[in-house]
Protein backbone atom coordinates (compact mmCIF):
# COMPACT_ATOMS: atom_id res chain seq x y z
CA UNK A 1 16.37 0.84 -20.61
CA UNK A 2 16.80 3.45 -17.90
CA UNK A 3 15.55 2.40 -14.46
CA UNK A 4 13.04 4.84 -13.01
CA UNK A 5 12.92 5.70 -9.31
CA UNK A 6 9.40 4.30 -8.91
CA UNK A 7 10.49 1.00 -10.44
CA UNK A 8 13.16 0.62 -7.77
CA UNK A 9 10.74 1.30 -4.94
CA UNK A 10 7.87 -0.75 -6.38
CA UNK A 11 10.39 -3.57 -6.78
CA UNK A 12 10.90 -3.59 -2.99
CA UNK A 13 7.26 -4.63 -2.53
CA UNK A 14 6.85 -6.76 -5.65
CA UNK A 15 9.95 -8.85 -4.94
CA UNK A 16 8.51 -9.86 -1.58
CA UNK A 17 5.19 -10.75 -3.23
CA UNK A 18 6.88 -12.90 -5.89
CA UNK A 19 8.92 -14.79 -3.27
CA UNK A 20 5.80 -15.77 -1.26
CA UNK A 21 4.83 -19.46 -1.47
CA UNK A 22 1.26 -18.59 -2.57
CA UNK A 23 2.36 -16.38 -5.47
CA UNK A 24 1.23 -17.52 -8.94
CA UNK A 25 1.02 -14.45 -11.21
CA UNK A 26 1.51 -10.71 -11.35
CA UNK A 27 -0.19 -8.45 -13.90
CA UNK A 28 -1.18 -4.82 -14.35
CA UNK A 29 -4.67 -4.34 -12.99
CA UNK A 30 -5.35 -1.06 -14.80
CA UNK A 31 -3.64 1.77 -16.60
CA UNK A 32 -2.97 3.44 -13.24
CA UNK A 33 0.71 3.24 -12.36
CA UNK A 34 1.27 1.09 -9.29
CA UNK A 35 -1.97 -0.91 -9.59
CA UNK A 36 -1.25 -4.63 -9.83
CA UNK A 37 -3.25 -7.84 -9.92
CA UNK A 38 -1.67 -10.58 -7.81
CA UNK A 39 -2.66 -14.11 -8.78
CA UNK A 40 -6.12 -13.58 -10.22
CA UNK A 41 -8.06 -12.11 -7.31
CA UNK A 42 -5.92 -9.65 -5.33
CA UNK A 43 -5.53 -6.03 -6.21
CA UNK A 44 -2.42 -4.32 -4.92
CA UNK A 45 -1.70 -0.60 -5.03
CA UNK A 46 1.93 0.32 -4.38
CA UNK A 47 2.97 3.79 -3.26
CA UNK A 48 6.40 4.88 -2.10
CA UNK A 49 8.27 7.65 -0.33
CA UNK A 50 12.02 8.05 -0.64
CA UNK A 51 12.90 9.72 2.67
CA UNK A 52 15.18 7.57 4.78
CA UNK A 53 13.61 8.19 8.17
CA UNK A 54 10.18 8.08 9.76
CA UNK A 55 7.61 9.51 9.30
CA UNK A 56 6.52 8.87 5.72
CA UNK A 57 3.49 10.71 4.33
CA UNK A 58 1.69 9.25 1.30
CA UNK A 59 -0.58 11.53 -0.69
CA UNK A 60 -3.72 10.19 -2.39
CA UNK A 61 -5.08 12.60 -5.03
CA UNK A 62 -8.81 12.35 -5.85
CA UNK A 63 -8.20 10.21 -9.00
CA UNK A 64 -6.23 7.63 -6.98
CA UNK A 65 -8.90 7.58 -4.28
CA UNK A 66 -11.57 6.88 -6.92
CA UNK A 67 -9.48 4.06 -8.43
CA UNK A 68 -8.83 2.58 -4.99
CA UNK A 69 -12.48 2.94 -3.99
CA UNK A 70 -13.58 1.16 -7.18
CA UNK A 71 -11.15 -1.68 -6.45
CA UNK A 72 -12.41 -1.97 -2.88
CA UNK A 73 -15.98 -2.24 -4.17
CA UNK A 74 -15.14 -4.88 -6.77
CA UNK A 75 -15.23 -7.82 -4.38
CA UNK A 76 -11.57 -8.67 -4.87
CA UNK A 77 -9.14 -8.55 -2.01
CA UNK A 78 -7.59 -5.07 -2.18
CA UNK A 79 -4.45 -3.85 -0.44
CA UNK A 80 -2.22 -0.80 -0.40
CA UNK A 81 1.48 -1.36 0.13
CA UNK A 82 3.27 1.72 1.37
CA UNK A 83 7.00 1.45 0.70
CA UNK A 84 8.69 3.50 3.41
CA UNK A 85 12.05 4.40 1.89
CA UNK A 86 14.43 1.47 2.12
CA UNK A 87 13.15 0.68 5.62
CA UNK A 88 9.85 -1.25 5.48
CA UNK A 89 6.66 -1.99 3.55
CA UNK A 90 3.50 -1.17 5.48
CA UNK A 91 0.53 -3.01 4.01
CA UNK A 92 -3.07 -1.95 4.65
CA UNK A 93 -6.13 -4.09 3.99
CA UNK A 94 -9.70 -3.03 3.21
CA UNK A 95 -10.74 -2.54 6.85
CA UNK A 96 -7.62 -0.52 7.69
CA UNK A 97 -8.04 1.65 4.59
CA UNK A 98 -11.64 2.43 5.61
CA UNK A 99 -10.33 3.80 8.92
CA UNK A 100 -7.57 6.04 7.57
CA UNK A 101 -9.17 7.28 4.32
CA UNK A 102 -12.59 8.78 3.64
CA UNK A 103 -13.67 7.39 0.28
CA UNK A 104 -16.78 9.57 0.29
CA UNK A 105 -14.82 12.74 0.88
CA UNK A 106 -13.65 15.26 -1.67
CA UNK A 107 -10.13 16.40 -2.31
CA UNK A 108 -6.70 15.04 -1.66
CA UNK A 109 -6.03 12.85 1.38
CA UNK A 110 -2.95 11.38 3.01
CA UNK A 111 -1.72 8.47 5.08
CA UNK A 112 1.18 8.82 7.50
CA UNK A 113 3.36 5.93 8.64
CA UNK A 114 5.54 6.51 11.67
CA UNK A 115 7.96 3.93 13.04
CA UNK A 116 9.49 4.65 16.43
CA UNK A 117 12.91 3.09 17.13
CA UNK A 118 12.43 -0.67 17.49
CA UNK A 119 8.68 -0.39 16.93
CA UNK A 120 6.02 -1.35 14.42
CA UNK A 121 4.22 0.95 11.99
CA UNK A 122 1.85 3.52 13.50
CA UNK A 123 -0.62 4.54 10.79
CA UNK A 124 -2.90 7.54 10.63
CA UNK A 125 -4.70 9.25 7.80
CA UNK A 126 -7.02 12.05 6.81
CA UNK A 127 -9.97 10.12 8.25
CA UNK A 128 -8.46 8.69 11.44
CA UNK A 129 -5.79 6.47 12.97
CA UNK A 130 -5.44 2.73 13.40
CA UNK A 131 -5.72 1.65 17.04
CA UNK A 132 -3.17 -1.15 16.49
CA UNK A 133 0.24 -1.01 14.93
CA UNK A 134 1.04 -2.78 11.67
CA UNK A 135 3.94 -5.22 12.18
CA UNK A 136 6.81 -5.14 9.69
CA UNK A 137 6.45 -8.88 9.07
CA UNK A 138 2.75 -8.66 8.11
CA UNK A 139 3.77 -8.06 4.50
CA UNK A 140 3.52 -9.92 2.16
CA UNK A 141 1.53 -12.57 4.10
CA UNK A 142 -1.39 -10.15 4.55
CA UNK A 143 -1.94 -10.06 0.76
CA UNK A 144 -2.41 -13.83 0.59
CA UNK A 145 -4.76 -14.31 3.58
């Protein structure tokens, strides 16, 4: 079977999840590509960009925003893992997503991850920017908290 580009980049995030001591199971959460169910109660959306240098801009079309908004409202722990080339995985939790994305808005939105030399992830989106950086080592632990 031919390996697709998205499989390589999703694998960067999923391998780290599977290696975590709290990992038990990984399943598809829906028909949406990149939507996974970790263990039985954690929804993970994986998006990727292939550029090799910062910044990375991740686009969220309206259909993805609806799917993500539904997951956030389900009561499960919901996370978005942004695979930044072959450099890092920047993971956002429910509170961080509410700052950078407007789930009540219409149209396409985006999230930008910028990593200065030697620094952590600076995240901003269509709705605003995080006041704190996201450390590289917060993933995958953040998914299991």
